[in-house]
Amino acid sequence: MSMNPKVSIIIPARNEAANIGRCLDAVNSQETNRPFEVIVIDSGSTDGTGEIAARHGAEVITIAAHEFDHGRTRNLGLSRAKGKYLVTLVADAVPANGAWLEELIAPLESDPNVAGSYSRQLPHPWTNPLEGMRVLERFTAGDKEIVSRYPGDEEWEKLEPEKRMLLVNFDDVSAARRREVWEKIPIAENYWGEDLDWSLKALKAGHAIVFAPGSVVYHSHELALLHSFRRAYVDQAVVKRMFGFIYYSNMSEFRAGLLELIRMDDRILRSRKNVGLSAGESIRWRLWNPARRFIEALGAYIAALDSDQLRGKYFDFYESLPLARTRGNAHRTSFTINGVKKNVVFAHPPSAVRKSIKAPGMAKLSFFPAIKPEVWDKSGPVLFEVALDGRILYSAEVNPANESGRSWSNVTVDLDQWFGRKVVLELITRARNTDNAWAGWAEPVIRANKESALTRLKIRIAEKTAKFIYEKPMRHP
């Protein structure tokens, strides 16, 4: 432990006796001339984690298990730190070689505008092939340096959710922050995603964030199914809240995404030579993997459910499109306008989507008529009409030549006067010039004074699951 450290390394830990010694051995073996200190925050370990850390020369701060919070706990360690550069590391991550620390600090040394940097992550050599695949799928397994800078509010608003997420990426598994930036922008208290929250704030303050692939840690685990569910849930909850990014916004996307993941994994496992498996091991993992993928996808799907948005939802044209009668080119897709992505019933004119329903009380049809941004400079105006039993209730053009035609504009049509009656509702598009008329009805939903039985079930699942997930801290696995 240096008396005048240039670097401070903060490691939160709980019941990490199996990992902390290996982690600290690698930290203490760094090939650097910079004096550094190591601070371990032990949150109520019962397996001797703190004692092992102390024997390896770390300063140990002990807190109660219930006091743990990803942001608050790291801030506690950073507030005790003396170094110019503040490194955060998790206890089950092992620096891959002696260059880990120097390579992590290098971007901050070379450019005073860089607020933070983070390491490349590879699976431990002993990890199972499925967990190894999961680690290698992640953004942090890449081998190219990436420098992220905030593009400005106007450009940020135009970015698709996926691109926002990639721009802000930062990972406290192994990361470094500049002290003077942290003092102005402390890590916020967060159940999960404290690193992304800090990164976005630092970027908006004018700093850069760097992915430093020359700094490598081994970081992977044997994940139980329940932990896989919880991890997928909290990951989705964070990226939805911060970026509006949703992995599976409906059951159709859930099924398609799940099947694609299982097929992709199966192809890799069939080529067992590529992952060092025997024939028996390959078969065993191929049988177990669909369960793991299903649990992960289910966690992400439930996390994306929004109880407030579901309340009062009686009928969803997007989800029920396969049950509706359609004319012309009508199918499900999504549009992203000004950085906001919405599910869309694509309806290239002339087209119609027709559904017979029994009108509930206080019913209103809500939707966003839109033309896909990719054809704004090519498409002419499109007429959107809502008809009930052949009677036109709504008729308006969307013209991408006008500013109003290049944004999400919500429309509501009152259906309450047909309460209790069985009616035929139609969503119709027309255009004088159908070339490039990529029109669609975004989020076409009937809301009423009651939900459908399926919607009520979704609300119950969403609320029960959230209570289960957040009743105890979620630690970095």
Protein backbone atom coordinates (compact mmCIF):
# COMPACT_ATOMS: atom_id res chain seq x y z
CA MET A 1 0.00 0.00 0.00
CA SER A 2 1.63 3.22 -1.18
CA MET A 3 1.61 6.30 1.06
CA ASN A 4 1.32 8.60 -1.99
CA PRO A 5 -0.63 6.59 -4.54
CA LYS A 6 -1.11 7.87 -8.07
CA VAL A 7 -3.84 5.28 -8.68
CA SER A 8 -6.54 4.00 -6.35
CA ILE A 9 -8.21 0.65 -7.06
CA ILE A 10 -11.63 0.14 -5.49
CA ILE A 11 -13.11 -3.37 -5.27
CA PRO A 12 -16.62 -3.98 -3.86
CA ALA A 13 -16.97 -7.56 -2.60
CA ARG A 14 -19.30 -9.85 -0.72
CA ASN A 15 -18.58 -13.53 -0.06
CA GLU A 16 -15.82 -13.57 -2.69
CA ALA A 17 -13.34 -15.80 -0.84
CA ALA A 18 -13.04 -18.00 -3.92
CA ASN A 19 -12.08 -15.03 -6.13
CA ILE A 20 -10.60 -12.13 -4.16
CA GLY A 21 -7.17 -13.68 -3.66
CA ARG A 22 -6.75 -14.45 -7.34
CA CYS A 23 -7.94 -10.95 -8.25
CA LEU A 24 -5.55 -9.22 -5.82
CA ASP A 25 -2.60 -11.41 -6.84
CA ALA A 26 -3.06 -10.17 -10.41
CA VAL A 27 -3.49 -6.57 -9.26
CA ASN A 28 -0.35 -6.70 -7.12
CA SER A 29 1.62 -8.16 -10.04
CA GLN A 30 1.08 -5.16 -12.32
CA GLU A 31 4.08 -3.95 -14.28
CA THR A 32 3.88 -0.26 -13.42
CA ASN A 33 5.98 2.45 -11.85
CA ARG A 34 2.88 4.19 -10.53
CA PRO A 35 2.33 3.76 -6.79
CA PHE A 36 -1.18 2.44 -6.21
CA GLU A 37 -3.45 1.57 -3.33
CA VAL A 38 -6.19 -1.06 -3.15
CA ILE A 39 -9.40 -0.52 -1.19
CA VAL A 40 -11.86 -3.39 -0.75
CA ILE A 41 -15.40 -2.58 0.42
CA ASP A 42 -16.67 -5.74 2.11
CA SER A 43 -20.47 -5.68 2.35
CA GLY A 44 -21.20 -8.20 5.09
CA SER A 45 -19.18 -11.20 3.91
CA THR A 46 -19.42 -14.35 6.01
CA ASP A 47 -16.70 -16.37 4.25
CA GLY A 48 -13.56 -14.46 5.22
CA THR A 49 -13.38 -12.22 2.14
CA GLY A 50 -12.21 -9.22 4.18
CA GLU A 51 -9.48 -11.18 5.94
CA ILE A 52 -8.12 -12.52 2.63
CA ALA A 53 -8.11 -9.02 1.15
CA ALA A 54 -6.23 -7.65 4.16
CA ARG A 55 -3.59 -10.38 3.86
CA HIS A 56 -3.05 -9.24 0.27
CA GLY A 57 -2.32 -5.69 1.43
CA ALA A 58 -5.70 -4.09 0.73
CA GLU A 59 -7.36 -1.55 2.98
CA VAL A 60 -10.71 -3.10 3.94
CA ILE A 61 -13.83 -1.04 4.60
CA THR A 62 -16.69 -3.04 6.09
CA ILE A 63 -20.36 -2.18 5.58
CA ALA A 64 -23.56 -4.08 6.30
CA ALA A 65 -24.99 -6.17 3.47
CA HIS A 66 -28.17 -4.09 3.30
CA GLU A 67 -26.12 -0.91 2.85
CA PHE A 68 -24.76 -2.04 -0.51
CA ASP A 69 -25.66 0.05 -3.55
CA HIS A 70 -23.65 0.05 -6.77
CA GLY A 71 -23.21 3.80 -6.83
CA ARG A 72 -23.13 4.60 -3.12
CA THR A 73 -20.72 1.79 -2.27
CA ARG A 74 -18.25 2.78 -4.99
CA ASN A 75 -18.47 6.42 -3.94
CA LEU A 76 -17.60 5.38 -0.40
CA GLY A 77 -14.42 3.73 -1.64
CA LEU A 78 -13.57 6.59 -3.97
CA SER A 79 -14.06 9.11 -1.17
CA ARG A 80 -11.31 7.29 0.79
CA ALA A 81 -9.04 7.12 -2.25
CA LYS A 82 -6.00 9.35 -2.69
CA GLY A 83 -5.06 8.67 -6.30
CA LYS A 84 -5.33 10.92 -9.33
CA TYR A 85 -6.88 8.03 -11.25
CA LEU A 86 -9.71 6.07 -9.67
CA VAL A 87 -10.08 2.47 -10.82
CA THR A 88 -13.08 0.29 -10.05
CA LEU A 89 -12.82 -3.48 -10.36
CA VAL A 90 -15.13 -6.33 -9.35
CA ALA A 91 -13.77 -9.11 -7.17
CA ASP A 92 -14.31 -11.91 -9.67
CA ALA A 93 -12.50 -10.10 -12.49
CA VAL A 94 -8.84 -11.03 -12.90
CA PRO A 95 -6.40 -8.78 -14.81
CA ALA A 96 -5.13 -10.92 -17.69
CA ASN A 97 -1.54 -9.71 -17.53
CA GLY A 98 0.82 -7.16 -16.04
CA ALA A 99 -0.20 -4.46 -18.53
CA TRP A 100 -3.83 -4.23 -17.37
CA LEU A 101 -3.43 -1.13 -15.24
CA GLU A 102 -1.12 0.86 -17.53
CA GLU A 103 -3.30 0.16 -20.57
CA LEU A 104 -6.41 1.21 -18.62
CA ILE A 105 -4.84 4.47 -17.46
CA ALA A 106 -3.22 5.30 -20.84
CA PRO A 107 -6.26 7.04 -22.42
CA LEU A 108 -6.59 9.36 -19.39
CA GLU A 109 -2.88 10.11 -19.48
CA SER A 110 -2.82 10.92 -23.18
CA ASP A 111 -5.91 13.15 -23.34
CA PRO A 112 -7.04 15.41 -20.47
CA ASN A 113 -10.53 15.48 -21.94
CA VAL A 114 -11.04 11.76 -21.32
CA ALA A 115 -13.17 11.26 -18.21
CA GLY A 116 -13.13 7.48 -18.09
CA SER A 117 -11.87 4.30 -19.71
CA TYR A 118 -12.88 0.67 -19.42
CA SER A 119 -11.32 -2.71 -20.12
CA ARG A 120 -11.86 -5.52 -22.55
CA GLN A 121 -13.49 -8.60 -20.98
CA LEU A 122 -12.76 -12.20 -21.92
CA PRO A 123 -14.10 -15.38 -20.34
CA HIS A 124 -12.02 -17.23 -17.79
CA PRO A 125 -10.18 -20.15 -19.44
CA TRP A 126 -12.14 -22.62 -17.30
CA THR A 127 -15.61 -21.21 -17.93
CA ASN A 128 -18.28 -23.34 -19.58
CA PRO A 129 -18.75 -22.82 -23.34
CA LEU A 130 -22.18 -21.19 -23.05
CA GLU A 131 -21.01 -18.59 -20.55
CA GLY A 132 -17.93 -18.07 -22.69
CA MET A 133 -20.18 -17.41 -25.68
CA ARG A 134 -22.23 -14.92 -23.66
CA VAL A 135 -19.13 -12.95 -22.68
CA LEU A 136 -17.78 -12.93 -26.24
CA GLU A 137 -21.14 -11.68 -27.58
CA ARG A 138 -20.85 -8.51 -25.52
CA PHE A 139 -19.62 -5.15 -26.73
CA THR A 140 -16.76 -5.30 -24.22
CA ALA A 141 -15.15 -8.33 -25.90
CA GLY A 142 -14.05 -6.27 -28.93
CA ASP A 143 -10.41 -5.60 -29.79
CA LYS A 144 -10.68 -2.11 -31.31
CA GLU A 145 -10.32 1.11 -29.32
CA ILE A 146 -13.48 3.20 -29.30
CA VAL A 147 -13.62 6.86 -28.31
CA SER A 148 -17.11 8.14 -27.51
CA ARG A 149 -18.13 11.78 -27.46
CA TYR A 150 -21.55 13.36 -27.00
CA PRO A 151 -22.87 14.52 -30.40
CA GLY A 152 -24.96 17.40 -29.02
CA ASP A 153 -28.57 17.42 -27.89
CA GLU A 154 -30.05 17.73 -31.38
CA GLU A 155 -28.10 14.80 -32.81
CA TRP A 156 -28.61 12.76 -29.64
CA GLU A 157 -32.38 13.06 -30.02
CA LYS A 158 -32.14 11.70 -33.56
CA LEU A 159 -30.09 8.65 -32.62
CA GLU A 160 -31.79 5.28 -32.53
CA PRO A 161 -31.94 3.73 -29.04
CA GLU A 162 -29.37 1.06 -29.94
CA LYS A 163 -26.84 3.68 -31.05
CA ARG A 164 -27.39 5.74 -27.91
CA MET A 165 -26.67 2.68 -25.81
CA LEU A 166 -23.47 1.86 -27.69
CA LEU A 167 -22.28 5.47 -27.49
CA VAL A 168 -22.67 5.60 -23.70
CA ASN A 169 -21.26 2.14 -22.99
CA PHE A 170 -19.02 1.99 -19.91
CA ASP A 171 -18.48 -0.93 -17.55
CA ASP A 172 -17.49 -0.88 -13.89
CA VAL A 173 -16.31 -4.49 -14.09
CA SER A 174 -12.96 -2.82 -14.83
CA ALA A 175 -12.89 0.93 -15.35
CA ALA A 176 -10.92 4.08 -14.57
CA ARG A 177 -12.14 7.61 -13.86
CA ARG A 178 -10.30 10.90 -13.64
CA ARG A 179 -10.53 12.18 -10.07
CA GLU A 180 -11.44 15.77 -10.93
CA VAL A 181 -14.31 14.57 -13.11
CA TRP A 182 -15.60 12.21 -10.40
CA GLU A 183 -15.49 15.05 -7.86
CA LYS A 184 -17.83 17.07 -10.11
CA ILE A 185 -19.86 14.08 -11.27
CA PRO A 186 -20.05 11.50 -8.47
CA ILE A 187 -21.54 8.09 -9.20
CA ALA A 188 -25.27 8.24 -8.56
CA GLU A 189 -26.98 5.75 -6.28
CA ASN A 190 -28.38 3.06 -8.54
CA TYR A 191 -29.77 -0.41 -8.08
CA TRP A 192 -28.12 -1.27 -11.40
CA GLY A 193 -26.45 0.58 -14.27
CA GLU A 194 -24.53 3.14 -12.22
CA ASP A 195 -21.70 2.99 -14.78
CA LEU A 196 -23.92 3.89 -17.75
CA ASP A 197 -25.55 6.69 -15.77
CA TRP A 198 -22.14 8.19 -14.92
CA SER A 199 -20.89 7.80 -18.48
CA LEU A 200 -23.86 9.66 -19.96
CA LYS A 201 -23.43 12.52 -17.50
CA ALA A 202 -19.71 12.75 -18.24
CA LEU A 203 -20.32 12.74 -21.99
CA LYS A 204 -22.96 15.46 -21.71
CA ALA A 205 -20.49 17.52 -19.67
CA GLY A 206 -18.17 17.51 -22.70
CA HIS A 207 -15.79 14.68 -21.78
CA ALA A 208 -14.83 11.59 -23.77
CA ILE A 209 -15.13 7.93 -22.76
CA VAL A 210 -12.66 5.36 -24.13
CA PHE A 211 -12.90 1.60 -24.53
CA ALA A 212 -9.30 0.44 -23.99
CA PRO A 213 -9.02 -3.12 -25.37
CA GLY A 214 -5.33 -3.34 -24.47
CA SER A 215 -6.44 -3.53 -20.84
CA VAL A 216 -7.87 -7.03 -20.46
CA VAL A 217 -9.60 -8.82 -17.60
CA TYR A 218 -10.98 -12.32 -17.37
CA HIS A 219 -14.55 -12.10 -16.15
CA SER A 220 -17.16 -14.84 -16.39
CA HIS A 221 -19.10 -17.15 -14.10
CA GLU A 222 -21.19 -20.25 -13.78
CA LEU A 223 -24.64 -18.68 -13.94
CA ALA A 224 -27.67 -20.31 -12.34
CA LEU A 225 -30.96 -19.93 -14.20
CA LEU A 226 -32.46 -17.66 -11.54
CA HIS A 227 -29.48 -15.34 -11.68
CA SER A 228 -29.67 -15.32 -15.49
CA PHE A 229 -33.30 -14.22 -15.21
CA ARG A 230 -32.49 -11.44 -12.74
CA ARG A 231 -29.51 -10.21 -14.75
CA ALA A 232 -31.51 -10.09 -18.00
CA TYR A 233 -34.32 -8.28 -16.20
CA VAL A 234 -32.18 -5.52 -14.69
CA ASP A 235 -30.15 -5.07 -17.89
CA GLN A 236 -33.35 -4.50 -19.88
CA ALA A 237 -34.82 -2.22 -17.21
CA VAL A 238 -31.75 0.04 -17.32
CA VAL A 239 -31.42 0.38 -21.10
CA LYS A 240 -35.17 0.95 -21.45
CA ARG A 241 -35.12 3.71 -18.83
CA MET A 242 -31.99 5.40 -20.13
CA PHE A 243 -32.22 4.93 -23.89
CA GLY A 244 -35.71 3.66 -24.72
CA PHE A 245 -34.13 0.44 -25.98
CA ILE A 246 -36.32 -2.68 -25.77
CA TYR A 247 -35.07 -6.12 -26.71
CA TYR A 248 -38.52 -7.71 -27.10
CA SER A 249 -41.43 -5.28 -27.23
CA ASN A 250 -44.04 -7.97 -27.96
CA MET A 251 -44.48 -11.74 -27.99
CA SER A 252 -43.75 -11.96 -31.71
CA GLU A 253 -40.31 -10.37 -31.21
CA PHE A 254 -39.79 -12.54 -28.11
CA ARG A 255 -40.40 -15.76 -30.05
CA ALA A 256 -38.36 -14.71 -33.08
CA GLY A 257 -35.46 -13.44 -30.99
CA LEU A 258 -35.41 -16.50 -28.77
CA LEU A 259 -35.40 -18.91 -31.71
CA GLU A 260 -32.59 -17.01 -33.41
CA LEU A 261 -30.45 -17.11 -30.26
CA ILE A 262 -31.02 -20.84 -29.80
CA ARG A 263 -30.20 -21.55 -33.45
CA MET A 264 -27.04 -19.43 -33.27
CA ASP A 265 -25.84 -21.18 -30.11
CA ASP A 266 -26.70 -24.58 -31.55
CA ARG A 267 -24.60 -23.91 -34.66
CA ILE A 268 -21.62 -23.06 -32.47
CA LEU A 269 -22.09 -26.07 -30.22
CA ARG A 270 -22.47 -28.41 -33.18
CA SER A 271 -19.01 -27.26 -34.26
CA ARG A 272 -17.68 -28.55 -30.94
CA LYS A 273 -14.06 -28.49 -32.17
CA ASN A 274 -14.27 -24.70 -32.08
CA VAL A 275 -15.11 -24.67 -28.39
CA GLY A 276 -13.13 -27.71 -27.26
CA LEU A 277 -16.06 -29.98 -26.41
CA SER A 278 -16.39 -33.73 -26.58
CA ALA A 279 -19.43 -35.19 -28.38
CA GLY A 280 -21.16 -35.88 -25.06
CA GLU A 281 -20.51 -32.37 -23.72
CA SER A 282 -21.76 -30.82 -26.94
CA ILE A 283 -25.04 -32.74 -26.69
CA ARG A 284 -25.44 -31.86 -23.00
CA TRP A 285 -24.95 -28.13 -23.58
CA ARG A 286 -27.23 -28.15 -26.63
CA LEU A 287 -30.00 -29.64 -24.48
CA TRP A 288 -29.45 -27.20 -21.58
CA ASN A 289 -28.89 -24.04 -23.57
CA PRO A 290 -32.51 -23.42 -24.73
CA ALA A 291 -33.58 -23.25 -21.08
CA ARG A 292 -30.92 -20.65 -20.34
CA ARG A 293 -31.84 -18.56 -23.37
CA PHE A 294 -35.56 -18.82 -22.58
CA ILE A 295 -35.00 -17.64 -19.00
CA GLU A 296 -32.88 -14.70 -20.17
CA ALA A 297 -35.36 -13.68 -22.86
CA LEU A 298 -38.26 -14.00 -20.43
CA GLY A 299 -36.52 -11.75 -17.91
CA ALA A 300 -35.93 -9.10 -20.57
CA TYR A 301 -39.50 -9.36 -21.88
CA ILE A 302 -41.08 -8.92 -18.45
CA ALA A 303 -38.77 -6.00 -17.61
CA ALA A 304 -40.02 -4.18 -20.71
CA LEU A 305 -43.65 -4.43 -19.59
CA ASP A 306 -44.97 -1.11 -18.32
CA SER A 307 -47.90 -1.42 -15.90
CA ASP A 308 -48.92 2.21 -16.37
CA GLN A 309 -49.04 1.86 -20.15
CA LEU A 310 -50.86 -1.46 -19.90
CA ARG A 311 -53.64 -0.11 -17.69
CA GLY A 312 -56.77 0.55 -19.70
CA LYS A 313 -55.42 -1.33 -22.71
CA TYR A 314 -58.35 -3.21 -24.22
CA PHE A 315 -57.20 -4.10 -27.74
CA ASP A 316 -53.84 -3.82 -29.53
CA PHE A 317 -53.92 -3.88 -33.34
CA TYR A 318 -50.16 -4.51 -33.51
CA GLU A 319 -50.19 -7.59 -31.30
CA SER A 320 -53.42 -8.90 -32.84
CA LEU A 321 -52.53 -8.26 -36.49
CA PRO A 322 -52.39 -12.00 -37.38
CA LEU A 323 -56.04 -12.25 -36.24
CA ALA A 324 -57.21 -9.24 -38.24
CA ARG A 325 -58.38 -9.15 -41.85
CA THR A 326 -55.95 -7.22 -44.00
CA ARG A 327 -55.96 -5.88 -47.53
CA GLY A 328 -52.81 -4.83 -49.35
CA ASN A 329 -49.33 -4.83 -47.86
CA ALA A 330 -49.83 -4.87 -44.09
CA HIS A 331 -47.37 -6.36 -41.60
CA ARG A 332 -45.62 -5.62 -38.32
CA THR A 333 -42.43 -3.58 -38.12
CA SER A 334 -41.00 -0.57 -36.26
CA PHE A 335 -40.10 3.04 -37.09
CA THR A 336 -37.58 5.26 -35.28
CA ILE A 337 -38.34 8.98 -35.51
CA ASN A 338 -36.25 11.56 -33.65
CA GLY A 339 -34.64 8.81 -31.58
CA VAL A 340 -37.96 7.28 -30.45
CA LYS A 341 -38.71 3.75 -31.63
CA LYS A 342 -42.31 2.52 -31.86
CA ASN A 343 -44.05 -0.66 -32.97
CA VAL A 344 -45.83 -0.05 -36.26
CA VAL A 345 -48.52 -1.76 -38.30
CA PHE A 346 -46.95 -1.18 -41.71
CA ALA A 347 -49.67 -0.25 -44.20
CA HIS A 348 -48.40 0.58 -47.69
CA PRO A 349 -51.34 2.23 -49.48
CA PRO A 350 -53.82 1.22 -50.60
CA SER A 351 -54.33 -0.98 -47.56
CA ALA A 352 -56.78 -1.72 -44.79
CA VAL A 353 -56.64 -3.52 -41.48
CA ARG A 354 -60.08 -4.64 -40.32
CA LYS A 355 -61.16 -6.09 -36.96
CA SER A 356 -64.57 -6.84 -35.48
CA ILE A 357 -64.78 -5.88 -31.80
CA LYS A 358 -67.37 -5.31 -29.10
CA ALA A 359 -66.90 -1.68 -28.09
CA PRO A 360 -66.11 -1.30 -24.37
CA GLY A 361 -67.11 1.64 -22.20
CA MET A 362 -65.15 4.90 -22.46
CA ALA A 363 -63.28 3.50 -25.46
CA LYS A 364 -60.75 5.57 -27.40
CA LEU A 365 -58.59 4.51 -30.33
CA SER A 366 -55.08 5.94 -30.03
CA PHE A 367 -52.33 5.83 -32.68
CA PHE A 368 -49.43 7.69 -34.32
CA PRO A 369 -49.78 7.94 -38.13
CA ALA A 370 -46.31 8.08 -39.69
CA ILE A 371 -44.13 7.58 -42.74
CA LYS A 372 -40.81 5.80 -42.35
CA PRO A 373 -37.89 8.30 -42.16
CA GLU A 374 -35.87 6.43 -44.80
CA VAL A 375 -38.31 7.61 -47.50
CA TRP A 376 -39.16 11.10 -46.26
CA ASP A 377 -37.39 12.69 -49.22
CA LYS A 378 -39.03 10.32 -51.70
CA SER A 379 -42.59 9.81 -50.49
CA GLY A 380 -45.58 11.98 -51.18
CA PRO A 381 -48.43 12.50 -48.70
CA VAL A 382 -50.40 9.56 -47.36
CA LEU A 383 -54.04 9.72 -46.24
CA PHE A 384 -54.83 7.91 -42.98
CA GLU A 385 -58.49 7.07 -42.29
CA VAL A 386 -60.34 5.35 -39.46
CA ALA A 387 -63.70 3.85 -40.37
CA LEU A 388 -66.30 2.22 -38.15
CA ASP A 389 -68.95 0.12 -39.91
CA GLY A 390 -67.98 1.98 -43.08
CA ARG A 391 -68.37 5.44 -41.55
CA ILE A 392 -65.23 7.63 -41.64
CA LEU A 393 -64.42 8.85 -38.13
CA TYR A 394 -60.98 10.26 -38.85
CA SER A 395 -59.23 11.40 -42.02
CA ALA A 396 -55.92 13.27 -42.26
CA GLU A 397 -52.83 13.41 -44.44
CA VAL A 398 -49.28 12.91 -43.28
CA ASN A 399 -46.88 14.73 -45.57
CA PRO A 400 -43.12 14.29 -44.96
CA ALA A 401 -42.50 17.49 -46.90
CA ASN A 402 -43.81 19.32 -43.83
CA GLU A 403 -42.18 19.45 -40.40
CA SER A 404 -45.33 18.02 -38.80
CA GLY A 405 -44.97 14.96 -41.03
CA ARG A 406 -41.52 14.22 -39.57
CA SER A 407 -42.44 13.67 -35.93
CA TRP A 408 -44.57 11.45 -33.76
CA SER A 409 -48.04 13.01 -33.41
CA ASN A 410 -50.60 11.21 -31.28
CA VAL A 411 -54.19 10.95 -32.54
CA THR A 412 -57.19 9.89 -30.44
CA VAL A 413 -60.58 8.86 -31.86
CA ASP A 414 -63.53 8.62 -29.44
CA LEU A 415 -65.50 5.36 -29.70
CA ASP A 416 -67.58 5.68 -26.54
CA GLN A 417 -70.92 6.23 -28.32
CA TRP A 418 -70.74 2.66 -29.66
CA PHE A 419 -70.47 1.17 -26.17
CA GLY A 420 -71.74 -2.41 -26.05
CA ARG A 421 -72.15 -2.72 -29.82
CA LYS A 422 -70.28 -5.13 -32.05
CA VAL A 423 -68.63 -3.03 -34.73
CA VAL A 424 -66.09 -3.37 -37.52
CA LEU A 425 -63.15 -1.01 -37.13
CA GLU A 426 -60.85 -0.31 -40.09
CA LEU A 427 -57.46 1.39 -40.38
CA ILE A 428 -57.12 2.57 -43.99
CA THR A 429 -54.29 4.21 -45.93
CA ARG A 430 -54.54 5.82 -49.37
CA ALA A 431 -52.13 7.78 -51.56
CA ARG A 432 -52.20 9.39 -55.00
CA ASN A 433 -48.61 8.28 -55.57
CA THR A 434 -47.83 4.97 -53.89
CA ASP A 435 -44.12 4.94 -54.76
CA ASN A 436 -42.10 4.84 -51.54
CA ALA A 437 -45.27 5.40 -49.50
CA TRP A 438 -43.95 3.48 -46.50
CA ALA A 439 -46.77 4.39 -44.15
CA GLY A 440 -47.75 2.86 -40.85
CA TRP A 441 -49.92 3.05 -37.75
CA ALA A 442 -47.68 3.23 -34.70
CA GLU A 443 -49.04 1.82 -31.44
CA PRO A 444 -52.67 1.51 -32.60
CA VAL A 445 -54.45 0.66 -29.33
CA ILE A 446 -58.01 0.85 -28.03
CA ARG A 447 -58.06 2.04 -24.42
CA ALA A 448 -61.12 1.76 -22.24
CA ASN A 449 -62.39 1.53 -18.65
CA LYS A 450 -61.17 -2.06 -18.41
CA GLU A 451 -58.31 -4.17 -19.67
CA SER A 452 -58.44 -7.41 -21.57
CA ALA A 453 -57.81 -10.58 -19.55
CA LEU A 454 -54.35 -10.92 -21.17
CA THR A 455 -53.45 -7.34 -20.27
CA ARG A 456 -54.53 -7.88 -16.65
CA LEU A 457 -52.29 -10.95 -16.51
CA LYS A 458 -49.35 -8.96 -17.89
CA ILE A 459 -49.84 -6.21 -15.29
CA ARG A 460 -49.88 -8.77 -12.49
CA ILE A 461 -46.73 -10.49 -13.78
CA ALA A 462 -44.93 -7.15 -14.22
CA GLU A 463 -45.72 -5.95 -10.71
CA LYS A 464 -44.98 -9.25 -8.95
CA THR A 465 -41.70 -9.69 -10.80
CA ALA A 466 -40.51 -6.15 -10.05
CA LYS A 467 -41.20 -6.70 -6.35
CA PHE A 468 -39.25 -9.96 -6.43
CA ILE A 469 -36.28 -8.49 -8.31
CA TYR A 470 -35.84 -5.34 -6.25
CA GLU A 471 -36.33 -6.82 -2.79
CA LYS A 472 -32.59 -7.52 -2.50
CA PRO A 473 -29.43 -5.99 -4.00
CA MET A 474 -28.24 -7.16 -7.41
CA ARG A 475 -24.49 -7.53 -7.37
CA HIS A 476 -22.24 -7.71 -10.37
CA PRO A 477 -22.10 -11.43 -11.20
